[in-house]
């Protein structure tokens, strides 16, 4: 009984993350790859059939497969992700009132740039 409930919850979250990932492809404010990877993990743990189906979709093949295979992003995708993330961080900096939180947000942005430059390879398109 517990296993069935656990699988159902994984499947539910798989569809939620897949929907958010799909919206991330359309809307520039949401990142798509992390949510689609989470969806893949949830489908893998929830259902073999749904895992196979999801990994065969165009959405997975176009967005996730190249990243997982190469462990790299194109320069265009890196720039796009960083601009979107930086715009959200900048908006948050203007909204929050606490200096320590503003400093933390700046440090997060700096680390994000460091990580993208030195830990994620850049491939040609």
N, C-alpha and C. Protein backbone atom coordinates (compact mmCIF):
# COMPACT_ATOMS: atom_id res chain seq x y z
N UNK A 1 0.82 -1.20 0.00
CA UNK A 1 0.00 0.00 0.00
C UNK A 1 0.87 1.27 0.00
N UNK A 2 1.90 1.28 0.86
CA UNK A 2 2.78 2.43 0.94
C UNK A 2 3.56 2.63 -0.35
N UNK A 3 3.98 1.54 -0.98
CA UNK A 3 4.73 1.62 -2.24
C UNK A 3 3.88 2.23 -3.35
N UNK A 4 2.61 1.86 -3.39
CA UNK A 4 1.70 2.39 -4.42
C UNK A 4 1.52 3.89 -4.23
N UNK A 5 1.33 4.31 -2.98
CA UNK A 5 1.17 5.73 -2.68
C UNK A 5 2.45 6.50 -3.03
N UNK A 6 3.58 5.91 -2.69
CA UNK A 6 4.87 6.54 -2.98
C UNK A 6 5.06 6.72 -4.49
N UNK A 7 4.74 5.70 -5.27
CA UNK A 7 4.86 5.79 -6.73
C UNK A 7 3.90 6.84 -7.29
N UNK A 8 2.69 6.89 -6.74
CA UNK A 8 1.70 7.87 -7.20
C UNK A 8 2.19 9.30 -6.93
N UNK A 9 2.81 9.50 -5.80
CA UNK A 9 3.34 10.84 -5.47
C UNK A 9 4.48 11.20 -6.42
N UNK A 10 5.35 10.24 -6.72
CA UNK A 10 6.43 10.50 -7.68
C UNK A 10 5.85 10.86 -9.05
N UNK A 11 4.84 10.14 -9.48
CA UNK A 11 4.21 10.42 -10.77
C UNK A 11 3.57 11.80 -10.78
N UNK A 12 2.86 12.14 -9.70
CA UNK A 12 2.24 13.46 -9.59
C UNK A 12 3.29 14.56 -9.69
N UNK A 13 4.37 14.43 -8.92
CA UNK A 13 5.43 15.44 -8.97
C UNK A 13 6.13 15.44 -10.33
N UNK A 14 6.22 14.28 -10.97
CA UNK A 14 6.79 14.22 -12.31
C UNK A 14 6.01 15.09 -13.28
N UNK A 15 4.68 14.99 -13.23
CA UNK A 15 3.86 15.81 -14.12
C UNK A 15 3.92 17.29 -13.75
N UNK A 16 4.00 17.59 -12.46
CA UNK A 16 4.12 18.99 -12.03
C UNK A 16 5.43 19.59 -12.54
N UNK A 17 6.55 18.87 -12.32
CA UNK A 17 7.84 19.37 -12.78
C UNK A 17 7.91 19.44 -14.30
N UNK A 18 7.28 18.49 -14.99
CA UNK A 18 7.27 18.52 -16.44
C UNK A 18 6.52 19.76 -16.94
N UNK A 19 5.40 20.07 -16.30
CA UNK A 19 4.62 21.25 -16.69
C UNK A 19 5.42 22.53 -16.46
N UNK A 20 6.08 22.62 -15.30
CA UNK A 20 6.89 23.81 -15.02
C UNK A 20 8.05 23.89 -16.02
N UNK A 21 8.68 22.75 -16.33
CA UNK A 21 9.76 22.73 -17.31
C UNK A 21 9.28 23.15 -18.68
N UNK A 22 8.09 22.70 -19.08
CA UNK A 22 7.51 23.10 -20.36
C UNK A 22 7.26 24.61 -20.38
N UNK A 23 6.74 25.13 -19.27
CA UNK A 23 6.52 26.58 -19.19
C UNK A 23 7.84 27.33 -19.26
N UNK A 24 8.91 26.72 -18.72
CA UNK A 24 10.23 27.34 -18.79
C UNK A 24 10.76 27.44 -20.20
N UNK A 25 10.33 26.55 -21.07
CA UNK A 25 10.72 26.63 -22.48
C UNK A 25 10.04 27.83 -23.13
N UNK A 26 8.80 28.06 -22.75
CA UNK A 26 8.00 29.14 -23.35
C UNK A 26 8.28 30.49 -22.69
N UNK A 27 8.28 30.50 -21.35
CA UNK A 27 8.46 31.75 -20.61
C UNK A 27 9.93 31.96 -20.27
N UNK A 28 10.44 33.13 -20.49
CA UNK A 28 11.86 33.36 -20.25
C UNK A 28 12.24 33.46 -18.77
N UNK A 29 11.27 33.49 -17.87
CA UNK A 29 11.59 33.67 -16.46
C UNK A 29 11.86 32.35 -15.73
N UNK A 30 11.48 31.25 -16.31
CA UNK A 30 11.66 29.95 -15.65
C UNK A 30 12.75 29.14 -16.35
N UNK A 31 13.62 28.52 -15.58
CA UNK A 31 14.59 27.62 -16.20
C UNK A 31 13.92 26.29 -16.54
N UNK A 32 14.19 25.74 -17.69
CA UNK A 32 13.50 24.50 -18.06
C UNK A 32 14.28 23.25 -17.68
N UNK A 33 15.59 23.25 -17.88
CA UNK A 33 16.38 22.04 -17.70
C UNK A 33 16.29 21.46 -16.29
N UNK A 34 16.46 22.26 -15.21
CA UNK A 34 16.38 21.65 -13.88
C UNK A 34 15.02 20.99 -13.59
N UNK A 35 13.94 21.63 -14.02
CA UNK A 35 12.62 21.06 -13.76
C UNK A 35 12.38 19.80 -14.60
N UNK A 36 12.90 19.79 -15.81
CA UNK A 36 12.73 18.59 -16.64
C UNK A 36 13.58 17.44 -16.11
N UNK A 37 14.74 17.73 -15.56
CA UNK A 37 15.55 16.69 -14.93
C UNK A 37 14.83 16.14 -13.70
N UNK A 38 14.24 17.02 -12.90
CA UNK A 38 13.45 16.56 -11.75
C UNK A 38 12.27 15.70 -12.19
N UNK A 39 11.62 16.10 -13.27
CA UNK A 39 10.51 15.30 -13.79
C UNK A 39 11.00 13.92 -14.20
N UNK A 40 12.15 13.87 -14.84
CA UNK A 40 12.72 12.59 -15.26
C UNK A 40 13.01 11.68 -14.06
N UNK A 41 13.57 12.27 -13.01
CA UNK A 41 13.85 11.50 -11.79
C UNK A 41 12.56 10.97 -11.18
N UNK A 42 11.55 11.81 -11.12
CA UNK A 42 10.26 11.39 -10.54
C UNK A 42 9.61 10.29 -11.37
N UNK A 43 9.61 10.43 -12.70
CA UNK A 43 9.04 9.39 -13.55
C UNK A 43 9.83 8.09 -13.43
N UNK A 44 11.15 8.19 -13.33
CA UNK A 44 11.99 7.01 -13.17
C UNK A 44 11.62 6.24 -11.91
N UNK A 45 11.37 6.97 -10.83
CA UNK A 45 11.03 6.31 -9.56
C UNK A 45 9.56 5.93 -9.47
N UNK A 46 8.73 6.56 -10.30
CA UNK A 46 7.30 6.30 -10.20
C UNK A 46 6.77 5.24 -11.14
N UNK A 47 7.28 5.19 -12.37
CA UNK A 47 6.73 4.28 -13.36
C UNK A 47 7.71 4.08 -14.51
N UNK A 48 7.98 2.82 -14.81
CA UNK A 48 8.87 2.51 -15.94
C UNK A 48 8.26 3.00 -17.26
N UNK A 49 6.96 2.80 -17.39
CA UNK A 49 6.28 3.19 -18.61
C UNK A 49 6.33 4.71 -18.83
N UNK A 50 6.05 5.48 -17.77
CA UNK A 50 6.10 6.94 -17.89
C UNK A 50 7.53 7.43 -18.08
N UNK A 51 8.49 6.76 -17.47
CA UNK A 51 9.89 7.12 -17.66
C UNK A 51 10.29 6.95 -19.11
N UNK A 52 9.92 5.84 -19.70
CA UNK A 52 10.22 5.57 -21.11
C UNK A 52 9.52 6.59 -22.01
N UNK A 53 8.25 6.86 -21.71
CA UNK A 53 7.48 7.83 -22.49
C UNK A 53 8.13 9.21 -22.43
N UNK A 54 8.46 9.67 -21.21
CA UNK A 54 9.01 11.01 -21.03
C UNK A 54 10.35 11.16 -21.75
N UNK A 55 11.19 10.14 -21.66
CA UNK A 55 12.50 10.22 -22.30
C UNK A 55 12.41 10.14 -23.82
N UNK A 56 11.25 9.79 -24.33
CA UNK A 56 11.04 9.76 -25.77
C UNK A 56 10.37 11.01 -26.32
N UNK A 57 9.98 11.93 -25.44
CA UNK A 57 9.32 13.15 -25.91
C UNK A 57 10.32 14.12 -26.54
N UNK A 58 9.82 14.95 -27.44
CA UNK A 58 10.67 15.96 -28.08
C UNK A 58 11.22 16.95 -27.04
N UNK A 59 10.41 17.24 -26.03
CA UNK A 59 10.81 18.17 -24.99
C UNK A 59 12.07 17.66 -24.28
N UNK A 60 12.07 16.40 -23.90
CA UNK A 60 13.22 15.80 -23.22
C UNK A 60 14.42 15.73 -24.16
N UNK A 61 14.16 15.27 -25.39
CA UNK A 61 15.24 15.08 -26.36
C UNK A 61 15.93 16.42 -26.71
N UNK A 62 15.15 17.49 -26.77
CA UNK A 62 15.71 18.78 -27.17
C UNK A 62 16.36 19.52 -26.01
N UNK A 63 15.75 19.47 -24.84
CA UNK A 63 16.22 20.28 -23.72
C UNK A 63 17.18 19.55 -22.78
N UNK A 64 16.88 18.32 -22.43
CA UNK A 64 17.62 17.62 -21.37
C UNK A 64 18.71 16.71 -21.91
N UNK A 65 18.39 15.94 -22.93
CA UNK A 65 19.33 14.94 -23.45
C UNK A 65 20.69 15.53 -23.82
N UNK A 66 20.75 16.64 -24.57
CA UNK A 66 22.07 17.19 -24.91
C UNK A 66 22.87 17.61 -23.67
N UNK A 67 22.18 18.18 -22.69
CA UNK A 67 22.89 18.60 -21.47
C UNK A 67 23.42 17.39 -20.70
N UNK A 68 22.62 16.36 -20.55
CA UNK A 68 23.07 15.18 -19.82
C UNK A 68 24.17 14.43 -20.58
N UNK A 69 24.06 14.39 -21.88
CA UNK A 69 25.06 13.68 -22.69
C UNK A 69 26.39 14.40 -22.70
N UNK A 70 26.37 15.70 -22.92
CA UNK A 70 27.60 16.49 -23.07
C UNK A 70 28.09 17.10 -21.76
N UNK A 71 27.20 17.24 -20.79
CA UNK A 71 27.52 17.97 -19.56
C UNK A 71 28.02 19.38 -19.92
N UNK A 72 27.35 19.96 -20.92
CA UNK A 72 27.76 21.27 -21.42
C UNK A 72 26.55 21.99 -22.00
N UNK A 73 26.69 23.30 -22.16
CA UNK A 73 25.65 24.13 -22.76
C UNK A 73 26.28 24.98 -23.86
N UNK A 74 25.43 25.42 -24.77
CA UNK A 74 25.91 26.36 -25.78
C UNK A 74 26.11 27.73 -25.12
N UNK A 75 26.94 28.54 -25.71
CA UNK A 75 27.19 29.88 -25.18
C UNK A 75 25.88 30.67 -25.13
N UNK A 76 25.08 30.53 -26.16
CA UNK A 76 23.80 31.25 -26.21
C UNK A 76 22.90 30.85 -25.03
N UNK A 77 22.84 29.55 -24.73
CA UNK A 77 22.00 29.07 -23.63
C UNK A 77 22.56 29.54 -22.29
N UNK A 78 23.89 29.52 -22.14
CA UNK A 78 24.51 30.01 -20.91
C UNK A 78 24.18 31.48 -20.67
N UNK A 79 24.30 32.28 -21.72
CA UNK A 79 24.01 33.71 -21.59
C UNK A 79 22.54 33.92 -21.26
N UNK A 80 21.68 33.20 -21.95
CA UNK A 80 20.23 33.33 -21.72
C UNK A 80 19.88 32.98 -20.27
N UNK A 81 20.39 31.86 -19.78
CA UNK A 81 20.10 31.43 -18.41
C UNK A 81 20.61 32.47 -17.42
N UNK A 82 21.82 32.97 -17.64
CA UNK A 82 22.39 33.95 -16.72
C UNK A 82 21.64 35.27 -16.73
N UNK A 83 21.22 35.73 -17.89
CA UNK A 83 20.46 36.98 -17.96
C UNK A 83 19.13 36.84 -17.23
N UNK A 84 18.45 35.72 -17.44
CA UNK A 84 17.16 35.52 -16.77
C UNK A 84 17.34 35.41 -15.25
N UNK A 85 18.33 34.64 -14.83
CA UNK A 85 18.57 34.48 -13.39
C UNK A 85 19.00 35.81 -12.77
N UNK A 86 19.87 36.53 -13.45
CA UNK A 86 20.33 37.82 -12.92
C UNK A 86 19.19 38.83 -12.83
N UNK A 87 18.28 38.81 -13.79
CA UNK A 87 17.15 39.74 -13.72
C UNK A 87 16.26 39.43 -12.51
N UNK A 88 16.08 38.15 -12.20
CA UNK A 88 15.29 37.78 -11.02
C UNK A 88 16.02 38.16 -9.73
N UNK A 89 17.32 37.94 -9.71
CA UNK A 89 18.10 38.31 -8.53
C UNK A 89 18.09 39.82 -8.34
N UNK A 90 18.26 40.56 -9.43
CA UNK A 90 18.24 42.02 -9.35
C UNK A 90 16.89 42.54 -8.87
N UNK A 91 15.83 41.96 -9.37
CA UNK A 91 14.49 42.34 -8.91
C UNK A 91 14.36 42.07 -7.41
N UNK A 92 14.85 40.93 -6.97
CA UNK A 92 14.79 40.58 -5.55
C UNK A 92 15.60 41.56 -4.70
N UNK A 93 16.74 41.99 -5.21
CA UNK A 93 17.57 42.94 -4.48
C UNK A 93 16.81 44.25 -4.26
N UNK A 94 16.05 44.69 -5.25
CA UNK A 94 15.28 45.92 -5.11
C UNK A 94 14.08 45.77 -4.19
N UNK A 95 13.57 44.55 -4.09
CA UNK A 95 12.37 44.31 -3.28
C UNK A 95 12.69 44.16 -1.80
N UNK A 96 13.75 43.44 -1.46
CA UNK A 96 14.04 43.15 -0.05
C UNK A 96 14.59 44.38 0.66
N UNK A 97 14.35 44.43 1.96
CA UNK A 97 14.77 45.58 2.76
C UNK A 97 16.03 45.31 3.59
N UNK A 98 16.39 44.06 3.74
CA UNK A 98 17.51 43.71 4.60
C UNK A 98 18.83 43.73 3.85
N UNK A 99 19.80 44.44 4.40
CA UNK A 99 21.11 44.54 3.76
C UNK A 99 21.79 43.18 3.65
N UNK A 100 21.71 42.37 4.70
CA UNK A 100 22.36 41.06 4.68
C UNK A 100 21.78 40.18 3.59
N UNK A 101 20.49 40.31 3.31
CA UNK A 101 19.86 39.52 2.25
C UNK A 101 20.30 40.01 0.87
N UNK A 102 20.45 41.31 0.72
CA UNK A 102 20.94 41.86 -0.54
C UNK A 102 22.36 41.37 -0.81
N UNK A 103 23.20 41.37 0.23
CA UNK A 103 24.57 40.88 0.09
C UNK A 103 24.57 39.41 -0.28
N UNK A 104 23.70 38.63 0.35
CA UNK A 104 23.59 37.20 0.04
C UNK A 104 23.18 36.99 -1.41
N UNK A 105 22.24 37.75 -1.91
CA UNK A 105 21.80 37.64 -3.30
C UNK A 105 22.93 37.98 -4.27
N UNK A 106 23.71 38.99 -3.95
CA UNK A 106 24.86 39.34 -4.81
C UNK A 106 25.88 38.21 -4.80
N UNK A 107 26.14 37.62 -3.64
CA UNK A 107 27.07 36.50 -3.55
C UNK A 107 26.57 35.29 -4.33
N UNK A 108 25.28 35.04 -4.28
CA UNK A 108 24.70 33.94 -5.05
C UNK A 108 24.89 34.19 -6.55
N UNK A 109 24.65 35.42 -6.99
CA UNK A 109 24.82 35.75 -8.40
C UNK A 109 26.28 35.59 -8.83
N UNK A 110 27.21 36.02 -8.00
CA UNK A 110 28.63 35.87 -8.33
C UNK A 110 29.02 34.41 -8.40
N UNK A 111 28.54 33.60 -7.46
CA UNK A 111 28.86 32.17 -7.48
C UNK A 111 28.27 31.50 -8.73
N UNK A 112 27.06 31.91 -9.09
CA UNK A 112 26.41 31.36 -10.27
C UNK A 112 27.25 31.63 -11.51
N UNK A 113 27.76 32.83 -11.64
CA UNK A 113 28.61 33.16 -12.79
C UNK A 113 29.91 32.35 -12.76
N UNK A 114 30.51 32.24 -11.60
CA UNK A 114 31.73 31.43 -11.45
C UNK A 114 31.46 29.99 -11.89
N UNK A 115 30.34 29.44 -11.42
CA UNK A 115 30.01 28.04 -11.73
C UNK A 115 29.79 27.86 -13.23
N UNK A 116 29.07 28.77 -13.85
CA UNK A 116 28.79 28.66 -15.29
C UNK A 116 30.07 28.80 -16.12
N UNK A 117 30.99 29.64 -15.69
CA UNK A 117 32.22 29.84 -16.45
C UNK A 117 33.20 28.69 -16.27
N UNK A 118 33.37 28.23 -15.04
CA UNK A 118 34.43 27.26 -14.75
C UNK A 118 33.99 25.81 -14.61
N UNK A 119 32.71 25.55 -14.46
CA UNK A 119 32.26 24.17 -14.22
C UNK A 119 31.33 23.60 -15.28
N UNK A 120 30.76 24.44 -16.10
CA UNK A 120 29.90 23.95 -17.18
C UNK A 120 30.59 24.29 -18.49
N UNK A 121 30.93 23.26 -19.21
CA UNK A 121 31.64 23.45 -20.48
C UNK A 121 30.74 24.16 -21.49
N UNK A 122 31.38 24.86 -22.40
CA UNK A 122 30.66 25.54 -23.49
C UNK A 122 30.92 24.77 -24.78
N UNK A 123 29.83 24.43 -25.48
CA UNK A 123 29.94 23.72 -26.75
C UNK A 123 29.41 24.62 -27.87
N UNK A 124 29.84 24.33 -29.08
CA UNK A 124 29.34 25.08 -30.23
C UNK A 124 27.96 24.56 -30.58
N UNK A 125 27.16 25.44 -31.11
CA UNK A 125 25.79 25.08 -31.46
C UNK A 125 25.71 24.29 -32.72
